[in-house]
PDB file of all heavy atoms in Angstrom:
ATOM      1  N   GLY A   1      53.644  29.779 126.172  1.00  0.00           N
ATOM      2  CA  GLY A   1      53.938  28.412 126.748  1.00  0.00           C
ATOM      3  C   GLY A   1      55.436  28.219 126.613  1.00  0.00           C
ATOM      4  O   GLY A   1      56.142  29.053 126.125  1.00  0.00           O
ATOM      5  N   GLY A   2      55.918  27.212 127.400  1.00  0.00           N
ATOM      6  CA  GLY A   2      57.276  26.825 127.323  1.00  0.00           C
ATOM      7  C   GLY A   2      57.750  25.968 128.361  1.00  0.00           C
ATOM      8  O   GLY A   2      56.855  25.288 128.952  1.00  0.00           O
ATOM      9  N   LEU A   3      58.960  26.018 128.814  1.00  0.00           N
ATOM     10  CA  LEU A   3      59.461  25.107 129.764  1.00  0.00           C
ATOM     11  C   LEU A   3      59.716  25.889 131.069  1.00  0.00           C
ATOM     12  O   LEU A   3      60.289  27.021 131.021  1.00  0.00           O
ATOM     13  CB  LEU A   3      60.853  24.502 129.308  1.00  0.00           C
ATOM     14  CG  LEU A   3      61.551  23.600 130.198  1.00  0.00           C
ATOM     15  CD1 LEU A   3      60.866  22.352 130.598  1.00  0.00           C
ATOM     16  CD2 LEU A   3      62.968  23.330 129.680  1.00  0.00           C
ATOM     17  N   ALA A   4      59.369  25.323 132.129  1.00  0.00           N
ATOM     18  CA  ALA A   4      59.514  25.919 133.460  1.00  0.00           C
ATOM     19  C   ALA A   4      60.000  24.867 134.452  1.00  0.00           C
ATOM     20  O   ALA A   4      59.591  23.656 134.287  1.00  0.00           O
ATOM     21  CB  ALA A   4      58.325  26.661 133.995  1.00  0.00           C
ATOM     22  N   GLN A   5      60.642  25.306 135.543  1.00  0.00           N
ATOM     23  CA  GLN A   5      60.931  24.274 136.573  1.00  0.00           C
ATOM     24  C   GLN A   5      59.838  24.339 137.645  1.00  0.00           C
ATOM     25  O   GLN A   5      59.112  25.345 137.755  1.00  0.00           O
ATOM     26  CB  GLN A   5      62.225  24.744 137.314  1.00  0.00           C
ATOM     27  CG  GLN A   5      63.496  24.550 136.450  1.00  0.00           C
ATOM     28  CD  GLN A   5      64.782  24.842 137.196  1.00  0.00           C
ATOM     29  OE1 GLN A   5      64.884  25.575 138.085  1.00  0.00           O
ATOM     30  NE2 GLN A   5      65.856  24.136 136.726  1.00  0.00           N
ATOM     31  N   ALA A   6      59.744  23.206 138.190  1.00  0.00           N
ATOM     32  CA  ALA A   6      58.730  23.122 139.359  1.00  0.00           C
ATOM     33  C   ALA A   6      58.985  24.203 140.386  1.00  0.00           C
ATOM     34  O   ALA A   6      60.198  24.533 140.698  1.00  0.00           O
ATOM     35  CB  ALA A   6      58.906  21.770 140.069  1.00  0.00           C
ATOM     36  N   GLY A   7      57.916  24.853 140.788  1.00  0.00           N
ATOM     37  CA  GLY A   7      57.903  26.058 141.679  1.00  0.00           C
ATOM     38  C   GLY A   7      58.024  27.362 140.884  1.00  0.00           C
ATOM     39  O   GLY A   7      57.856  28.459 141.546  1.00  0.00           O
ATOM     40  N   GLY A   8      58.205  27.321 139.534  1.00  0.00           N
ATOM     41  CA  GLY A   8      58.399  28.433 138.764  1.00  0.00           C
ATOM     42  C   GLY A   8      57.098  28.972 138.290  1.00  0.00           C
ATOM     43  O   GLY A   8      55.978  28.559 138.682  1.00  0.00           O
ATOM     44  N   SER A   9      57.207  29.978 137.407  1.00  0.00           N
ATOM     45  CA  SER A   9      56.013  30.686 136.887  1.00  0.00           C
ATOM     46  C   SER A   9      56.051  30.787 135.288  1.00  0.00           C
ATOM     47  O   SER A   9      57.079  30.862 134.757  1.00  0.00           O
ATOM     48  CB  SER A   9      55.898  32.045 137.378  1.00  0.00           C
ATOM     49  OG  SER A   9      55.658  32.046 138.858  1.00  0.00           O
ATOM     50  N   LEU A  10      54.804  30.800 134.703  1.00  0.00           N
ATOM     51  CA  LEU A  10      54.667  31.100 133.274  1.00  0.00           C
ATOM     52  C   LEU A  10      53.391  31.963 133.139  1.00  0.00           C
ATOM     53  O   LEU A  10      52.443  31.757 133.990  1.00  0.00           O
ATOM     54  CB  LEU A  10      54.557  29.890 132.496  1.00  0.00           C
ATOM     55  CG  LEU A  10      55.804  29.120 132.243  1.00  0.00           C
ATOM     56  CD1 LEU A  10      55.406  27.760 131.422  1.00  0.00           C
ATOM     57  CD2 LEU A  10      56.780  29.868 131.271  1.00  0.00           C
ATOM     58  N   ARG A  11      53.392  32.745 132.068  1.00  0.00           N
ATOM     59  CA  ARG A  11      52.129  33.517 131.830  1.00  0.00           C
ATOM     60  C   ARG A  11      51.676  33.226 130.392  1.00  0.00           C
ATOM     61  O   ARG A  11      52.471  33.479 129.431  1.00  0.00           O
ATOM     62  CB  ARG A  11      52.374  34.966 131.970  1.00  0.00           C
ATOM     63  CG  ARG A  11      51.132  35.902 131.818  1.00  0.00           C
ATOM     64  CD  ARG A  11      51.445  37.295 132.123  1.00  0.00           C
ATOM     65  NE  ARG A  11      50.315  38.196 132.064  1.00  0.00           N
ATOM     66  CZ  ARG A  11      49.474  38.393 132.965  1.00  0.00           C
ATOM     67  NH1 ARG A  11      49.663  37.904 134.161  1.00  0.00           N
ATOM     68  NH2 ARG A  11      48.429  39.137 132.782  1.00  0.00           N
ATOM     69  N   LEU A  12      50.502  32.736 130.207  1.00  0.00           N
ATOM     70  CA  LEU A  12      49.865  32.483 128.954  1.00  0.00           C
ATOM     71  C   LEU A  12      48.985  33.503 128.508  1.00  0.00           C
ATOM     72  O   LEU A  12      48.328  34.253 129.456  1.00  0.00           O
ATOM     73  CB  LEU A  12      49.132  31.196 128.917  1.00  0.00           C
ATOM     74  CG  LEU A  12      49.872  29.931 129.441  1.00  0.00           C
ATOM     75  CD1 LEU A  12      48.867  28.684 129.372  1.00  0.00           C
ATOM     76  CD2 LEU A  12      51.103  29.680 128.780  1.00  0.00           C
ATOM     77  N   SER A  13      48.926  33.821 127.197  1.00  0.00           N
ATOM     78  CA  SER A  13      48.086  34.860 126.713  1.00  0.00           C
ATOM     79  C   SER A  13      47.300  34.303 125.587  1.00  0.00           C
ATOM     80  O   SER A  13      47.712  33.330 124.863  1.00  0.00           O
ATOM     81  CB  SER A  13      48.845  36.116 126.155  1.00  0.00           C
ATOM     82  OG  SER A  13      49.431  36.750 127.330  1.00  0.00           O
ATOM     83  N   CYS A  14      46.145  34.822 125.430  1.00  0.00           N
ATOM     84  CA  CYS A  14      45.072  34.407 124.332  1.00  0.00           C
ATOM     85  C   CYS A  14      44.624  35.648 123.643  1.00  0.00           C
ATOM     86  O   CYS A  14      43.869  36.408 124.260  1.00  0.00           O
ATOM     87  CB  CYS A  14      44.052  33.512 124.867  1.00  0.00           C
ATOM     88  SG  CYS A  14      42.769  33.096 123.728  1.00  0.00           S
ATOM     89  N   ALA A  15      44.887  35.768 122.335  1.00  0.00           N
ATOM     90  CA  ALA A  15      44.395  36.866 121.620  1.00  0.00           C
ATOM     91  C   ALA A  15      43.173  36.496 120.808  1.00  0.00           C
ATOM     92  O   ALA A  15      43.277  35.480 120.056  1.00  0.00           O
ATOM     93  CB  ALA A  15      45.500  37.463 120.634  1.00  0.00           C
ATOM     94  N   ALA A  16      42.181  37.263 120.870  1.00  0.00           N
ATOM     95  CA  ALA A  16      40.857  36.903 120.174  1.00  0.00           C
ATOM     96  C   ALA A  16      40.587  37.997 119.115  1.00  0.00           C
ATOM     97  O   ALA A  16      40.882  39.067 119.185  1.00  0.00           O
ATOM     98  CB  ALA A  16      39.774  36.987 121.132  1.00  0.00           C
ATOM     99  N   SER A  17      40.050  37.423 118.085  1.00  0.00           N
ATOM    100  CA  SER A  17      39.699  38.202 116.819  1.00  0.00           C
ATOM    101  C   SER A  17      38.340  38.774 116.863  1.00  0.00           C
ATOM    102  O   SER A  17      37.944  39.361 115.947  1.00  0.00           O
ATOM    103  CB  SER A  17      39.899  37.326 115.550  1.00  0.00           C
ATOM    104  OG  SER A  17      38.914  36.382 115.548  1.00  0.00           O
ATOM    105  N   ALA A  18      37.588  38.360 117.912  1.00  0.00           N
ATOM    106  CA  ALA A  18      36.080  38.712 118.005  1.00  0.00           C
ATOM    107  C   ALA A  18      35.975  40.308 117.858  1.00  0.00           C
ATOM    108  O   ALA A  18      36.729  41.064 118.308  1.00  0.00           O
ATOM    109  CB  ALA A  18      35.565  38.265 119.277  1.00  0.00           C
ATOM    110  N   ARG A  19      34.848  40.594 116.975  1.00  0.00           N
ATOM    111  CA  ARG A  19      34.586  42.038 116.918  1.00  0.00           C
ATOM    112  C   ARG A  19      34.148  42.710 118.123  1.00  0.00           C
ATOM    113  O   ARG A  19      34.492  43.864 118.516  1.00  0.00           O
ATOM    114  CB  ARG A  19      33.402  42.191 115.878  1.00  0.00           C
ATOM    115  CG  ARG A  19      33.108  43.593 115.430  1.00  0.00           C
ATOM    116  CD  ARG A  19      32.287  43.536 114.240  1.00  0.00           C
ATOM    117  NE  ARG A  19      30.963  42.975 114.500  1.00  0.00           N
ATOM    118  CZ  ARG A  19      29.931  43.673 114.817  1.00  0.00           C
ATOM    119  NH1 ARG A  19      30.064  44.862 115.031  1.00  0.00           N
ATOM    120  NH2 ARG A  19      28.761  43.109 115.130  1.00  0.00           N
ATOM    121  N   ILE A  20      33.423  41.879 118.990  1.00  0.00           N
ATOM    122  CA  ILE A  20      33.106  42.406 120.301  1.00  0.00           C
ATOM    123  C   ILE A  20      33.492  41.402 121.325  1.00  0.00           C
ATOM    124  O   ILE A  20      32.724  40.465 121.658  1.00  0.00           O
ATOM    125  CB  ILE A  20      31.522  42.620 120.372  1.00  0.00           C
ATOM    126  CG1 ILE A  20      31.193  43.553 119.256  1.00  0.00           C
ATOM    127  CG2 ILE A  20      31.290  43.338 121.775  1.00  0.00           C
ATOM    128  CD1 ILE A  20      29.574  43.773 119.185  1.00  0.00           C
ATOM    129  N   PHE A  21      34.731  41.521 121.730  1.00  0.00           N
ATOM    130  CA  PHE A  21      35.291  40.507 122.661  1.00  0.00           C
ATOM    131  C   PHE A  21      34.506  40.381 123.970  1.00  0.00           C
ATOM    132  O   PHE A  21      34.363  39.265 124.589  1.00  0.00           O
ATOM    133  CB  PHE A  21      36.682  40.852 122.857  1.00  0.00           C
ATOM    134  CG  PHE A  21      37.500  39.959 123.831  1.00  0.00           C
ATOM    135  CD1 PHE A  21      37.703  38.613 123.478  1.00  0.00           C
ATOM    136  CD2 PHE A  21      37.914  40.456 125.042  1.00  0.00           C
ATOM    137  CE1 PHE A  21      38.487  37.801 124.332  1.00  0.00           C
ATOM    138  CE2 PHE A  21      38.625  39.529 125.993  1.00  0.00           C
ATOM    139  CZ  PHE A  21      38.949  38.221 125.600  1.00  0.00           C
ATOM    140  N   SER A  22      33.934  41.428 124.419  1.00  0.00           N
ATOM    141  CA  SER A  22      33.480  41.535 125.800  1.00  0.00           C
ATOM    142  C   SER A  22      32.188  40.814 125.933  1.00  0.00           C
ATOM    143  O   SER A  22      31.555  40.644 127.040  1.00  0.00           O
ATOM    144  CB  SER A  22      33.209  43.026 126.208  1.00  0.00           C
ATOM    145  OG  SER A  22      32.264  43.607 125.274  1.00  0.00           O
ATOM    146  N   VAL A  23      31.537  40.185 124.903  1.00  0.00           N
ATOM    147  CA  VAL A  23      30.350  39.431 124.886  1.00  0.00           C
ATOM    148  C   VAL A  23      30.650  37.892 125.187  1.00  0.00           C
ATOM    149  O   VAL A  23      29.682  37.090 125.410  1.00  0.00           O
ATOM    150  CB  VAL A  23      29.454  39.507 123.726  1.00  0.00           C
ATOM    151  CG1 VAL A  23      29.051  41.005 123.371  1.00  0.00           C
ATOM    152  CG2 VAL A  23      30.117  38.947 122.505  1.00  0.00           C
ATOM    153  N   TYR A  24      31.966  37.607 125.134  1.00  0.00           N
ATOM    154  CA  TYR A  24      32.295  36.172 125.312  1.00  0.00           C
ATOM    155  C   TYR A  24      32.888  35.901 126.753  1.00  0.00           C
ATOM    156  O   TYR A  24      33.769  36.532 127.201  1.00  0.00           O
ATOM    157  CB  TYR A  24      33.403  35.794 124.245  1.00  0.00           C
ATOM    158  CG  TYR A  24      32.893  35.862 122.981  1.00  0.00           C
ATOM    159  CD1 TYR A  24      32.904  36.931 122.162  1.00  0.00           C
ATOM    160  CD2 TYR A  24      32.149  34.684 122.272  1.00  0.00           C
ATOM    161  CE1 TYR A  24      32.371  36.957 120.846  1.00  0.00           C
ATOM    162  CE2 TYR A  24      31.585  34.661 121.033  1.00  0.00           C
ATOM    163  CZ  TYR A  24      31.865  35.834 120.336  1.00  0.00           C
ATOM    164  OH  TYR A  24      31.229  35.814 118.980  1.00  0.00           O
ATOM    165  N   ALA A  25      32.329  34.807 127.308  1.00  0.00           N
ATOM    166  CA  ALA A  25      33.030  34.231 128.474  1.00  0.00           C
ATOM    167  C   ALA A  25      34.340  33.463 127.910  1.00  0.00           C
ATOM    168  O   ALA A  25      34.232  32.877 126.822  1.00  0.00           O
ATOM    169  CB  ALA A  25      32.212  33.240 129.201  1.00  0.00           C
ATOM    170  N   MET A  26      35.340  33.564 128.671  1.00  0.00           N
ATOM    171  CA  MET A  26      36.647  32.984 128.208  1.00  0.00           C
ATOM    172  C   MET A  26      37.052  31.885 129.244  1.00  0.00           C
ATOM    173  O   MET A  26      36.814  31.986 130.455  1.00  0.00           O
ATOM    174  CB  MET A  26      37.678  34.020 128.174  1.00  0.00           C
ATOM    175  CG  MET A  26      37.318  35.010 127.157  1.00  0.00           C
ATOM    176  SD  MET A  26      37.155  34.519 125.540  1.00  0.00           S
ATOM    177  CE  MET A  26      38.825  33.865 125.141  1.00  0.00           C
ATOM    178  N   ALA A  27      37.707  30.828 128.829  1.00  0.00           N
ATOM    179  CA  ALA A  27      38.131  29.854 129.613  1.00  0.00           C
ATOM    180  C   ALA A  27      39.528  29.248 129.157  1.00  0.00           C
ATOM    181  O   ALA A  27      39.965  29.462 127.970  1.00  0.00           O
ATOM    182  CB  ALA A  27      37.152  28.672 129.791  1.00  0.00           C
ATOM    183  N   TRP A  28      40.231  28.530 130.084  1.00  0.00           N
ATOM    184  CA  TRP A  28      41.380  27.787 129.640  1.00  0.00           C
ATOM    185  C   TRP A  28      41.198  26.269 130.087  1.00  0.00           C
ATOM    186  O   TRP A  28      40.617  26.001 131.180  1.00  0.00           O
ATOM    187  CB  TRP A  28      42.657  28.325 130.430  1.00  0.00           C
ATOM    188  CG  TRP A  28      43.126  29.564 130.071  1.00  0.00           C
ATOM    189  CD1 TRP A  28      42.756  30.790 130.548  1.00  0.00           C
ATOM    190  CD2 TRP A  28      44.060  29.850 129.028  1.00  0.00           C
ATOM    191  NE1 TRP A  28      43.486  31.786 129.903  1.00  0.00           N
ATOM    192  CE2 TRP A  28      44.316  31.262 128.894  1.00  0.00           C
ATOM    193  CE3 TRP A  28      44.723  29.027 128.140  1.00  0.00           C
ATOM    194  CZ2 TRP A  28      45.183  31.791 128.037  1.00  0.00           C
ATOM    195  CZ3 TRP A  28      45.789  29.606 127.224  1.00  0.00           C
ATOM    196  CH2 TRP A  28      45.859  31.014 127.136  1.00  0.00           C
ATOM    197  N   PHE A  29      41.501  25.464 129.198  1.00  0.00           N
ATOM    198  CA  PHE A  29      41.513  23.999 129.364  1.00  0.00           C
ATOM    199  C   PHE A  29      42.914  23.498 129.249  1.00  0.00           C
ATOM    200  O   PHE A  29      43.700  24.159 128.627  1.00  0.00           O
ATOM    201  CB  PHE A  29      40.525  23.284 128.371  1.00  0.00           C
ATOM    202  CG  PHE A  29      38.987  23.531 128.754  1.00  0.00           C
ATOM    203  CD1 PHE A  29      38.419  24.742 128.449  1.00  0.00           C
ATOM    204  CD2 PHE A  29      38.313  22.537 129.269  1.00  0.00           C
ATOM    205  CE1 PHE A  29      37.086  24.942 128.759  1.00  0.00           C
ATOM    206  CE2 PHE A  29      37.003  22.666 129.582  1.00  0.00           C
ATOM    207  CZ  PHE A  29      36.299  23.922 129.320  1.00  0.00           C
ATOM    208  N   ARG A  30      43.146  22.230 129.560  1.00  0.00           N
ATOM    209  CA  ARG A  30      44.463  21.755 129.325  1.00  0.00           C
ATOM    210  C   ARG A  30      44.293  20.195 129.041  1.00  0.00           C
ATOM    211  O   ARG A  30      43.356  19.628 129.551  1.00  0.00           O
ATOM    212  CB  ARG A  30      45.446  21.943 130.434  1.00  0.00           C
ATOM    213  CG  ARG A  30      45.023  21.244 131.834  1.00  0.00           C
ATOM    214  CD  ARG A  30      46.079  21.614 132.877  1.00  0.00           C
ATOM    215  NE  ARG A  30      45.685  20.949 134.124  1.00  0.00           N
ATOM    216  CZ  ARG A  30      46.339  21.211 135.292  1.00  0.00           C
ATOM    217  NH1 ARG A  30      47.318  22.119 135.308  1.00  0.00           N
ATOM    218  NH2 ARG A  30      46.037  20.540 136.283  1.00  0.00           N
ATOM    219  N   GLN A  31      45.222  19.714 128.323  1.00  0.00           N
ATOM    220  CA  GLN A  31      45.271  18.302 127.999  1.00  0.00           C
ATOM    221  C   GLN A  31      46.704  17.693 128.103  1.00  0.00           C
ATOM    222  O   GLN A  31      47.596  18.056 127.349  1.00  0.00           O
ATOM    223  CB  GLN A  31      44.723  18.008 126.555  1.00  0.00           C
ATOM    224  CG  GLN A  31      44.550  16.599 126.234  1.00  0.00           C
ATOM    225  CD  GLN A  31      43.704  16.336 125.032  1.00  0.00           C
ATOM    226  OE1 GLN A  31      43.600  17.298 124.206  1.00  0.00           O
ATOM    227  NE2 GLN A  31      43.198  15.150 124.894  1.00  0.00           N
ATOM    228  N   ALA A  32      46.863  16.715 129.031  1.00  0.00           N
ATOM    229  CA  ALA A  32      48.105  16.081 129.276  1.00  0.00           C
ATOM    230  C   ALA A  32      48.152  14.878 128.324  1.00  0.00           C
ATOM    231  O   ALA A  32      47.204  14.401 127.942  1.00  0.00           O
ATOM    232  CB  ALA A  32      48.248  15.803 130.783  1.00  0.00           C
ATOM    233  N   PRO A  33      49.392  14.439 128.094  1.00  0.00           N
ATOM    234  CA  PRO A  33      49.569  13.227 127.305  1.00  0.00           C
ATOM    235  C   PRO A  33      48.760  12.085 127.799  1.00  0.00           C
ATOM    236  O   PRO A  33      48.880  11.712 128.891  1.00  0.00           O
ATOM    237  CB  PRO A  33      51.070  13.068 127.241  1.00  0.00           C
ATOM    238  CG  PRO A  33      51.729  14.364 127.604  1.00  0.00           C
ATOM    239  CD  PRO A  33      50.778  15.054 128.607  1.00  0.00           C
ATOM    240  N   GLY A  34      47.960  11.435 126.937  1.00  0.00           N
ATOM    241  CA  GLY A  34      47.302  10.281 127.267  1.00  0.00           C
ATOM    242  C   GLY A  34      45.977  10.561 128.171  1.00  0.00           C
ATOM    243  O   GLY A  34      45.301   9.636 128.620  1.00  0.00           O
ATOM    244  N   LYS A  35      45.681  11.826 128.403  1.00  0.00           N
ATOM    245  CA  LYS A  35      44.474  12.141 129.225  1.00  0.00           C
ATOM    246  C   LYS A  35      43.568  12.981 128.488  1.00  0.00           C
ATOM    247  O   LYS A  35      43.862  13.529 127.323  1.00  0.00           O
ATOM    248  CB  LYS A  35      45.017  12.907 130.468  1.00  0.00           C
ATOM    249  CG  LYS A  35      45.936  12.058 131.384  1.00  0.00           C
ATOM    250  CD  LYS A  35      46.204  12.867 132.627  1.00  0.00           C
ATOM    251  CE  LYS A  35      46.937  11.928 133.666  1.00  0.00           C
ATOM    252  NZ  LYS A  35      47.244  12.695 135.016  1.00  0.00           N
ATOM    253  N   GLU A  36      42.329  13.127 129.048  1.00  0.00           N
ATOM    254  CA  GLU A  36      41.320  13.961 128.319  1.00  0.00           C
ATOM    255  C   GLU A  36      41.535  15.351 128.742  1.00  0.00           C
ATOM    256  O   GLU A  36      42.170  15.742 129.733  1.00  0.00           O
ATOM    257  CB  GLU A  36      39.896  13.469 128.987  1.00  0.00           C
ATOM    258  CG  GLU A  36      39.511  12.163 128.477  1.00  0.00           C
ATOM    259  CD  GLU A  36      38.118  11.705 128.940  1.00  0.00           C
ATOM    260  OE1 GLU A  36      37.474  12.581 129.686  1.00  0.00           O
ATOM    261  OE2 GLU A  36      37.504  10.657 128.430  1.00  0.00           O
ATOM    262  N   ARG A  37      41.029  16.230 127.778  1.00  0.00           N
ATOM    263  CA  ARG A  37      41.097  17.664 128.120  1.00  0.00           C
ATOM    264  C   ARG A  37      40.160  17.972 129.341  1.00  0.00           C
ATOM    265  O   ARG A  37      39.137  17.512 129.394  1.00  0.00           O
ATOM    266  CB  ARG A  37      40.603  18.344 126.837  1.00  0.00           C
ATOM    267  CG  ARG A  37      40.963  19.861 126.794  1.00  0.00           C
ATOM    268  CD  ARG A  37      40.592  20.539 125.429  1.00  0.00           C
ATOM    269  NE  ARG A  37      41.296  19.931 124.388  1.00  0.00           N
ATOM    270  CZ  ARG A  37      41.319  20.331 123.099  1.00  0.00           C
ATOM    271  NH1 ARG A  37      40.738  21.519 122.824  1.00  0.00           N
ATOM    272  NH2 ARG A  37      41.940  19.776 122.146  1.00  0.00           N
ATOM    273  N   GLU A  38      40.831  18.888 130.160  1.00  0.00           N
ATOM    274  CA  GLU A  38      40.094  19.141 131.385  1.00  0.00           C
ATOM    275  C   GLU A  38      40.103  20.618 131.576  1.00  0.00           C
ATOM    276  O   GLU A  38      40.899  21.443 131.128  1.00  0.00           O
ATOM    277  CB  GLU A  38      40.782  18.635 132.555  1.00  0.00           C
ATOM    278  CG  GLU A  38      42.260  19.072 132.789  1.00  0.00           C
ATOM    279  CD  GLU A  38      42.909  18.444 133.983  1.00  0.00           C
ATOM    280  OE1 GLU A  38      42.277  17.509 134.623  1.00  0.00           O
ATOM    281  OE2 GLU A  38      44.020  18.963 134.393  1.00  0.00           O
ATOM    282  N   PHE A  39      39.026  21.110 132.366  1.00  0.00           N
ATOM    283  CA  PHE A  39      38.868  22.404 132.631  1.00  0.00           C
ATOM    284  C   PHE A  39      39.988  23.036 133.600  1.00  0.00           C
ATOM    285  O   PHE A  39      40.294  22.224 134.501  1.00  0.00           O
ATOM    286  CB  PHE A  39      37.528  22.590 133.407  1.00  0.00           C
ATOM    287  CG  PHE A  39      37.182  24.023 133.831  1.00  0.00           C
ATOM    288  CD1 PHE A  39      36.767  25.067 133.046  1.00  0.00           C
ATOM    289  CD2 PHE A  39      37.268  24.174 135.162  1.00  0.00           C
ATOM    290  CE1 PHE A  39      36.582  26.356 133.505  1.00  0.00           C
ATOM    291  CE2 PHE A  39      37.148  25.531 135.657  1.00  0.00           C
ATOM    292  CZ  PHE A  39      36.633  26.495 134.831  1.00  0.00           C
ATOM    293  N   VAL A  40      40.371  24.243 133.356  1.00  0.00           N
ATOM    294  CA  VAL A  40      41.293  24.813 134.287  1.00  0.00           C
ATOM    295  C   VAL A  40      40.736  26.162 134.900  1.00  0.00           C
ATOM    296  O   VAL A  40      40.632  26.092 136.299  1.00  0.00           O
ATOM    297  CB  VAL A  40      42.606  25.301 133.529  1.00  0.00           C
ATOM    298  CG1 VAL A  40      43.589  25.975 134.420  1.00  0.00           C
ATOM    299  CG2 VAL A  40      43.226  24.046 132.877  1.00  0.00           C
ATOM    300  N   THR A  41      40.323  27.026 134.185  1.00  0.00           N
ATOM    301  CA  THR A  41      39.674  28.234 134.760  1.00  0.00           C
ATOM    302  C   THR A  41      38.749  28.935 133.743  1.00  0.00           C
ATOM    303  O   THR A  41      38.947  28.642 132.486  1.00  0.00           O
ATOM    304  CB  THR A  41      40.785  29.109 135.195  1.00  0.00           C
ATOM    305  OG1 THR A  41      40.282  30.376 135.810  1.00  0.00           O
ATOM    306  CG2 THR A  41      41.742  29.536 134.090  1.00  0.00           C
ATOM    307  N   ALA A  42      37.948  29.804 134.368  1.00  0.00           N
ATOM    308  CA  ALA A  42      37.037  30.506 133.361  1.00  0.00           C
ATOM    309  C   ALA A  42      36.821  31.865 133.964  1.00  0.00           C
ATOM    310  O   ALA A  42      36.951  32.144 135.141  1.00  0.00           O
ATOM    311  CB  ALA A  42      35.758  29.795 133.063  1.00  0.00           C
ATOM    312  N   ILE A  43      36.377  32.918 133.027  1.00  0.00           N
ATOM    313  CA  ILE A  43      36.218  34.249 133.425  1.00  0.00           C
ATOM    314  C   ILE A  43      34.959  34.711 132.780  1.00  0.00           C
ATOM    315  O   ILE A  43      34.793  34.506 131.566  1.00  0.00           O
ATOM    316  CB  ILE A  43      37.410  35.120 133.264  1.00  0.00           C
ATOM    317  CG1 ILE A  43      37.317  36.548 133.956  1.00  0.00           C
ATOM    318  CG2 ILE A  43      37.835  35.287 131.757  1.00  0.00           C
ATOM    319  CD1 ILE A  43      38.547  37.300 134.060  1.00  0.00           C
ATOM    320  N   SER A  44      34.140  35.561 133.402  1.00  0.00           N
ATOM    321  CA  SER A  44      32.941  36.069 132.868  1.00  0.00           C
ATOM    322  C   SER A  44      33.247  37.177 131.877  1.00  0.00           C
ATOM    323  O   SER A  44      34.443  37.599 131.735  1.00  0.00           O
ATOM    324  CB  SER A  44      32.019  36.486 133.895  1.00  0.00           C
ATOM    325  OG  SER A  44      32.685  37.513 134.677  1.00  0.00           O
ATOM    326  N   ARG A  45      32.173  37.617 131.139  1.00  0.00           N
ATOM    327  CA  ARG A  45      32.434  38.666 130.197  1.00  0.00           C
ATOM    328  C   ARG A  45      33.083  39.888 130.663  1.00  0.00           C
ATOM    329  O   ARG A  45      33.934  40.471 129.998  1.00  0.00           O
ATOM    330  CB  ARG A  45      30.982  38.994 129.628  1.00  0.00           C
ATOM    331  CG  ARG A  45      30.430  37.883 129.027  1.00  0.00           C
ATOM    332  CD  ARG A  45      28.916  38.211 128.569  1.00  0.00           C
ATOM    333  NE  ARG A  45      28.102  37.116 128.001  1.00  0.00           N
ATOM    334  CZ  ARG A  45      27.017  37.199 127.621  1.00  0.00           C
ATOM    335  NH1 ARG A  45      26.142  38.202 127.864  1.00  0.00           N
ATOM    336  NH2 ARG A  45      26.411  36.066 127.118  1.00  0.00           N
TER     337      ARG A  45
END
């Protein structure tokens, strides 16, 4: 995470400690100030 200008790019990473990572579906959610957490994207196993 960090600061970017409008029109720019960022790349987020998530490292998992799971013994068998490939059995888990993974997703990203986000929460803006004063708002509920919302779905962004998901990927299958």
